[in-house]
């Protein structure tokens, strides 16, 4: 799904993400390591920290979507699949820890045929 489909007025929109992934705004917040109010208040949604976390989460799910066949399955992977190259943490745990770049690097390495 194009990144623009997750946005509203130039910002990542938690409600649009929730609809696309068939979940709730509260789950979107939790999956990105954010508090519930971070995705409910317009001024908080617009903050750099919230936008960065939402962008990281969407980028990771979008990057693996082709291998799973749907955004919904990619989101399930994001939340639950332990990643051997990252100490068994899930992509969601890594984003919550502020380490989304490590997940994206791992995905790129796997795509390049590097065994991790």
N, C-alpha and C. Protein backbone atom coordinates (compact mmCIF):
# COMPACT_ATOMS: atom_id res chain seq x y z
N UNK A 1 0.85 -1.17 0.00
CA UNK A 1 0.00 0.00 0.00
C UNK A 1 0.89 1.24 0.00
N UNK A 2 0.65 2.18 -0.87
CA UNK A 2 1.48 3.39 -0.89
C UNK A 2 1.41 4.16 0.44
N UNK A 3 2.52 4.75 0.81
CA UNK A 3 2.58 5.49 2.08
C UNK A 3 1.51 6.58 2.15
N UNK A 4 1.20 7.19 1.04
CA UNK A 4 0.20 8.26 1.02
C UNK A 4 -1.17 7.77 1.47
N UNK A 5 -1.45 6.49 1.30
CA UNK A 5 -2.74 5.94 1.72
C UNK A 5 -2.87 5.87 3.24
N UNK A 6 -1.77 5.98 3.94
CA UNK A 6 -1.79 5.98 5.40
C UNK A 6 -1.80 7.40 5.97
N UNK A 7 -1.85 8.38 5.11
CA UNK A 7 -1.71 9.77 5.55
C UNK A 7 -2.99 10.57 5.38
N UNK A 8 -3.04 11.66 6.14
CA UNK A 8 -4.14 12.62 6.05
C UNK A 8 -3.54 14.00 6.26
N UNK A 9 -3.69 14.84 5.27
CA UNK A 9 -3.16 16.20 5.32
C UNK A 9 -1.66 16.22 5.62
N UNK A 10 -0.94 15.32 4.99
CA UNK A 10 0.52 15.30 5.09
C UNK A 10 1.09 14.64 6.33
N UNK A 11 0.25 14.03 7.15
CA UNK A 11 0.70 13.36 8.37
C UNK A 11 0.22 11.91 8.36
N UNK A 12 1.04 11.02 8.93
CA UNK A 12 0.56 9.65 9.09
C UNK A 12 -0.65 9.71 10.03
N UNK A 13 -1.73 9.06 9.62
CA UNK A 13 -2.98 9.11 10.36
C UNK A 13 -3.25 7.77 11.03
N UNK A 14 -3.19 7.72 12.34
CA UNK A 14 -3.43 6.45 13.05
C UNK A 14 -4.76 5.80 12.67
N UNK A 15 -5.79 6.59 12.44
CA UNK A 15 -7.09 6.02 12.08
C UNK A 15 -7.02 5.30 10.73
N UNK A 16 -6.31 5.87 9.77
CA UNK A 16 -6.17 5.22 8.47
C UNK A 16 -5.33 3.95 8.57
N UNK A 17 -4.30 3.99 9.39
CA UNK A 17 -3.48 2.80 9.61
C UNK A 17 -4.34 1.71 10.24
N UNK A 18 -5.13 2.08 11.24
CA UNK A 18 -5.99 1.11 11.92
C UNK A 18 -6.99 0.47 10.96
N UNK A 19 -7.57 1.26 10.09
CA UNK A 19 -8.53 0.71 9.12
C UNK A 19 -7.83 -0.25 8.17
N UNK A 20 -6.67 0.15 7.66
CA UNK A 20 -5.94 -0.70 6.70
C UNK A 20 -5.53 -2.02 7.32
N UNK A 21 -5.18 -2.00 8.60
CA UNK A 21 -4.68 -3.20 9.26
C UNK A 21 -5.74 -3.88 10.13
N UNK A 22 -6.99 -3.41 10.01
CA UNK A 22 -8.13 -4.01 10.72
C UNK A 22 -7.88 -4.13 12.22
N UNK A 23 -7.51 -3.01 12.79
CA UNK A 23 -7.24 -2.98 14.23
C UNK A 23 -7.79 -1.68 14.79
N UNK A 24 -7.40 -1.32 15.97
CA UNK A 24 -7.87 -0.10 16.61
C UNK A 24 -6.75 0.94 16.70
N UNK A 25 -7.13 2.16 16.93
CA UNK A 25 -6.14 3.21 17.13
C UNK A 25 -5.27 2.92 18.34
N UNK A 26 -5.87 2.36 19.39
CA UNK A 26 -5.11 2.02 20.59
C UNK A 26 -4.06 0.95 20.28
N UNK A 27 -4.39 -0.02 19.44
CA UNK A 27 -3.43 -1.05 19.05
C UNK A 27 -2.32 -0.47 18.17
N UNK A 28 -2.68 0.46 17.30
CA UNK A 28 -1.67 1.13 16.47
C UNK A 28 -0.68 1.85 17.38
N UNK A 29 -1.20 2.57 18.36
CA UNK A 29 -0.34 3.28 19.31
C UNK A 29 0.58 2.31 20.05
N UNK A 30 0.00 1.25 20.57
CA UNK A 30 0.79 0.25 21.31
C UNK A 30 1.85 -0.39 20.41
N UNK A 31 1.48 -0.70 19.18
CA UNK A 31 2.42 -1.34 18.25
C UNK A 31 3.59 -0.45 17.89
N UNK A 32 3.40 0.86 18.01
CA UNK A 32 4.46 1.81 17.71
C UNK A 32 5.19 2.26 18.98
N UNK A 33 4.76 1.74 20.12
CA UNK A 33 5.39 2.12 21.37
C UNK A 33 4.96 3.50 21.86
N UNK A 34 3.71 3.84 21.56
CA UNK A 34 3.17 5.15 21.93
C UNK A 34 2.01 4.98 22.89
N UNK A 35 1.74 6.01 23.65
CA UNK A 35 0.57 6.01 24.51
C UNK A 35 -0.69 6.27 23.70
N UNK A 36 -1.82 5.85 24.25
CA UNK A 36 -3.10 6.00 23.56
C UNK A 36 -3.39 7.46 23.19
N UNK A 37 -3.09 8.39 24.10
CA UNK A 37 -3.39 9.79 23.81
C UNK A 37 -2.52 10.36 22.69
N UNK A 38 -1.40 9.70 22.40
CA UNK A 38 -0.51 10.17 21.33
C UNK A 38 -1.18 10.05 19.97
N UNK A 39 -2.15 9.15 19.84
CA UNK A 39 -2.83 8.99 18.55
C UNK A 39 -4.25 9.53 18.57
N UNK A 40 -4.68 10.06 19.70
CA UNK A 40 -6.04 10.60 19.80
C UNK A 40 -6.09 12.12 19.73
N UNK A 41 -5.05 12.77 20.17
CA UNK A 41 -5.03 14.24 20.17
C UNK A 41 -4.27 14.73 18.94
N UNK A 42 -4.90 15.58 18.18
CA UNK A 42 -4.34 16.07 16.91
C UNK A 42 -2.95 16.68 17.10
N UNK A 43 -2.77 17.48 18.15
CA UNK A 43 -1.47 18.12 18.36
C UNK A 43 -0.39 17.09 18.69
N UNK A 44 -0.76 16.00 19.37
CA UNK A 44 0.22 14.96 19.67
C UNK A 44 0.54 14.13 18.42
N UNK A 45 -0.48 13.84 17.61
CA UNK A 45 -0.27 13.07 16.38
C UNK A 45 0.73 13.79 15.48
N UNK A 46 0.69 15.10 15.48
CA UNK A 46 1.56 15.90 14.61
C UNK A 46 2.99 16.01 15.13
N UNK A 47 3.26 15.56 16.35
CA UNK A 47 4.61 15.70 16.90
C UNK A 47 5.61 14.86 16.12
N UNK A 48 6.85 15.30 16.11
CA UNK A 48 7.91 14.58 15.39
C UNK A 48 8.07 13.15 15.90
N UNK A 49 8.02 12.97 17.20
CA UNK A 49 8.20 11.64 17.78
C UNK A 49 7.11 10.67 17.33
N UNK A 50 5.86 11.10 17.39
CA UNK A 50 4.75 10.24 16.99
C UNK A 50 4.82 9.95 15.50
N UNK A 51 5.06 10.97 14.69
CA UNK A 51 5.14 10.77 13.24
C UNK A 51 6.30 9.84 12.88
N UNK A 52 7.42 9.97 13.57
CA UNK A 52 8.56 9.11 13.31
C UNK A 52 8.24 7.66 13.61
N UNK A 53 7.63 7.39 14.74
CA UNK A 53 7.28 6.01 15.11
C UNK A 53 6.26 5.42 14.15
N UNK A 54 5.25 6.20 13.79
CA UNK A 54 4.25 5.70 12.84
C UNK A 54 4.89 5.41 11.49
N UNK A 55 5.76 6.31 11.05
CA UNK A 55 6.45 6.11 9.76
C UNK A 55 7.30 4.84 9.79
N UNK A 56 8.04 4.64 10.86
CA UNK A 56 8.89 3.46 10.97
C UNK A 56 8.05 2.18 10.89
N UNK A 57 6.96 2.16 11.62
CA UNK A 57 6.10 0.99 11.65
C UNK A 57 5.51 0.72 10.26
N UNK A 58 5.01 1.75 9.61
CA UNK A 58 4.43 1.60 8.28
C UNK A 58 5.50 1.17 7.27
N UNK A 59 6.69 1.74 7.34
CA UNK A 59 7.76 1.35 6.42
C UNK A 59 8.11 -0.13 6.56
N UNK A 60 8.20 -0.61 7.78
CA UNK A 60 8.54 -2.01 8.00
C UNK A 60 7.44 -2.91 7.45
N UNK A 61 6.20 -2.62 7.80
CA UNK A 61 5.08 -3.45 7.32
C UNK A 61 5.01 -3.41 5.79
N UNK A 62 5.17 -2.23 5.21
CA UNK A 62 5.14 -2.12 3.74
C UNK A 62 6.27 -2.91 3.09
N UNK A 63 7.42 -2.91 3.72
CA UNK A 63 8.59 -3.58 3.14
C UNK A 63 8.41 -5.10 3.09
N UNK A 64 7.71 -5.67 4.07
CA UNK A 64 7.53 -7.12 4.09
C UNK A 64 6.18 -7.56 3.52
N UNK A 65 5.31 -6.63 3.23
CA UNK A 65 3.98 -6.99 2.70
C UNK A 65 4.04 -7.91 1.47
N UNK A 66 4.92 -7.66 0.50
CA UNK A 66 4.94 -8.55 -0.68
C UNK A 66 5.22 -10.01 -0.33
N UNK A 67 6.01 -10.27 0.70
CA UNK A 67 6.28 -11.68 1.02
C UNK A 67 5.12 -12.35 1.73
N UNK A 68 4.23 -11.58 2.33
CA UNK A 68 3.09 -12.16 3.04
C UNK A 68 1.78 -12.07 2.26
N UNK A 69 1.75 -11.24 1.24
CA UNK A 69 0.57 -11.15 0.40
C UNK A 69 -0.48 -10.17 0.83
N UNK A 70 -0.35 -9.61 2.02
CA UNK A 70 -1.32 -8.60 2.46
C UNK A 70 -0.72 -7.79 3.60
N UNK A 71 -1.24 -6.59 3.75
CA UNK A 71 -0.79 -5.73 4.84
C UNK A 71 -1.20 -6.33 6.19
N UNK A 72 -2.34 -6.98 6.22
CA UNK A 72 -2.82 -7.58 7.47
C UNK A 72 -1.87 -8.69 7.95
N UNK A 73 -1.42 -9.53 7.04
CA UNK A 73 -0.47 -10.59 7.41
C UNK A 73 0.89 -10.01 7.76
N UNK A 74 1.32 -8.98 7.05
CA UNK A 74 2.59 -8.33 7.36
C UNK A 74 2.54 -7.69 8.75
N UNK A 75 1.40 -7.11 9.10
CA UNK A 75 1.24 -6.51 10.42
C UNK A 75 1.28 -7.60 11.51
N UNK A 76 0.68 -8.74 11.24
CA UNK A 76 0.74 -9.85 12.20
C UNK A 76 2.18 -10.30 12.40
N UNK A 77 2.95 -10.36 11.31
CA UNK A 77 4.38 -10.70 11.41
C UNK A 77 5.10 -9.66 12.26
N UNK A 78 4.85 -8.39 11.98
CA UNK A 78 5.48 -7.28 12.70
C UNK A 78 5.29 -7.43 14.21
N UNK A 79 4.08 -7.81 14.60
CA UNK A 79 3.75 -7.88 16.02
C UNK A 79 4.25 -9.16 16.70
N UNK A 80 4.38 -10.25 15.96
CA UNK A 80 4.56 -11.51 16.67
C UNK A 80 5.75 -12.39 16.29
N UNK A 81 6.39 -12.16 15.19
CA UNK A 81 7.44 -13.08 14.74
C UNK A 81 8.81 -12.71 15.33
N UNK A 82 9.39 -13.60 16.14
CA UNK A 82 10.73 -13.34 16.67
C UNK A 82 11.76 -13.33 15.54
N UNK A 83 12.65 -12.37 15.57
CA UNK A 83 13.65 -12.23 14.51
C UNK A 83 14.99 -12.75 15.02
N UNK A 84 15.46 -13.87 14.44
CA UNK A 84 16.69 -14.48 14.93
C UNK A 84 17.90 -13.55 14.86
N UNK A 85 17.99 -12.73 13.87
CA UNK A 85 19.13 -11.83 13.74
C UNK A 85 19.11 -10.67 14.71
N UNK A 86 18.01 -10.56 15.47
CA UNK A 86 17.88 -9.45 16.41
C UNK A 86 17.58 -9.96 17.82
N UNK A 87 18.21 -11.07 18.16
CA UNK A 87 18.07 -11.60 19.51
C UNK A 87 16.70 -12.13 19.84
N UNK A 88 15.92 -12.49 18.83
CA UNK A 88 14.59 -13.04 19.07
C UNK A 88 13.53 -12.00 19.35
N UNK A 89 13.87 -10.74 19.24
CA UNK A 89 12.87 -9.68 19.42
C UNK A 89 12.02 -9.58 18.16
N UNK A 90 10.79 -9.13 18.34
CA UNK A 90 9.93 -8.89 17.19
C UNK A 90 10.23 -7.51 16.62
N UNK A 91 9.76 -7.28 15.40
CA UNK A 91 9.92 -5.95 14.80
C UNK A 91 9.25 -4.90 15.69
N UNK A 92 8.10 -5.24 16.25
CA UNK A 92 7.39 -4.31 17.12
C UNK A 92 8.23 -3.95 18.34
N UNK A 93 8.86 -4.93 18.95
CA UNK A 93 9.70 -4.65 20.11
C UNK A 93 10.87 -3.74 19.74
N UNK A 94 11.44 -3.98 18.57
CA UNK A 94 12.56 -3.16 18.13
C UNK A 94 12.13 -1.71 17.89
N UNK A 95 10.97 -1.51 17.28
CA UNK A 95 10.48 -0.15 17.07
C UNK A 95 10.23 0.52 18.41
N UNK A 96 9.62 -0.20 19.32
CA UNK A 96 9.37 0.36 20.66
C UNK A 96 10.66 0.78 21.35
N UNK A 97 11.75 0.08 21.07
CA UNK A 97 13.06 0.40 21.66
C UNK A 97 13.80 1.47 20.87
N UNK A 98 13.19 1.97 19.81
CA UNK A 98 13.84 2.99 18.99
C UNK A 98 14.87 2.42 18.04
N UNK A 99 14.74 1.13 17.67
CA UNK A 99 15.73 0.47 16.83
C UNK A 99 15.14 -0.01 15.51
N UNK A 100 14.25 0.76 14.93
CA UNK A 100 13.60 0.39 13.67
C UNK A 100 14.63 0.22 12.55
N UNK A 101 15.69 1.00 12.57
CA UNK A 101 16.72 0.89 11.52
C UNK A 101 17.33 -0.51 11.48
N UNK A 102 17.49 -1.13 12.63
CA UNK A 102 18.05 -2.49 12.67
C UNK A 102 17.10 -3.48 11.98
N UNK A 103 15.80 -3.28 12.15
CA UNK A 103 14.82 -4.15 11.49
C UNK A 103 14.89 -3.95 9.98
N UNK A 104 14.92 -2.70 9.55
CA UNK A 104 14.99 -2.42 8.11
C UNK A 104 16.28 -2.96 7.51
N UNK A 105 17.39 -2.86 8.24
CA UNK A 105 18.66 -3.41 7.77
C UNK A 105 18.58 -4.93 7.66
N UNK A 106 17.95 -5.58 8.63
CA UNK A 106 17.79 -7.03 8.60
C UNK A 106 16.95 -7.46 7.39
N UNK A 107 15.86 -6.76 7.15
CA UNK A 107 15.01 -7.08 5.99
C UNK A 107 15.79 -6.92 4.70
N UNK A 108 16.56 -5.84 4.60
CA UNK A 108 17.39 -5.63 3.40
C UNK A 108 18.42 -6.75 3.23
N UNK A 109 19.03 -7.18 4.32
CA UNK A 109 20.02 -8.25 4.26
C UNK A 109 19.37 -9.55 3.80
N UNK A 110 18.22 -9.87 4.33
CA UNK A 110 17.51 -11.09 3.90
C UNK A 110 17.14 -11.00 2.43
N UNK A 111 16.66 -9.83 2.02
CA UNK A 111 16.30 -9.63 0.60
C UNK A 111 17.52 -9.77 -0.30
N UNK A 112 18.69 -9.43 0.21
CA UNK A 112 19.92 -9.54 -0.58
C UNK A 112 20.51 -10.95 -0.54
N UNK A 113 19.87 -11.85 0.21
CA UNK A 113 20.31 -13.24 0.26
C UNK A 113 21.34 -13.52 1.33
N UNK A 114 21.51 -12.59 2.25
CA UNK A 114 22.47 -12.80 3.35
C UNK A 114 21.76 -13.56 4.46
N UNK A 115 22.34 -14.66 4.86
CA UNK A 115 21.75 -15.48 5.93
C UNK A 115 22.06 -14.85 7.28
N UNK A 116 21.01 -14.58 8.04
CA UNK A 116 21.20 -13.97 9.36
C UNK A 116 20.83 -14.94 10.47
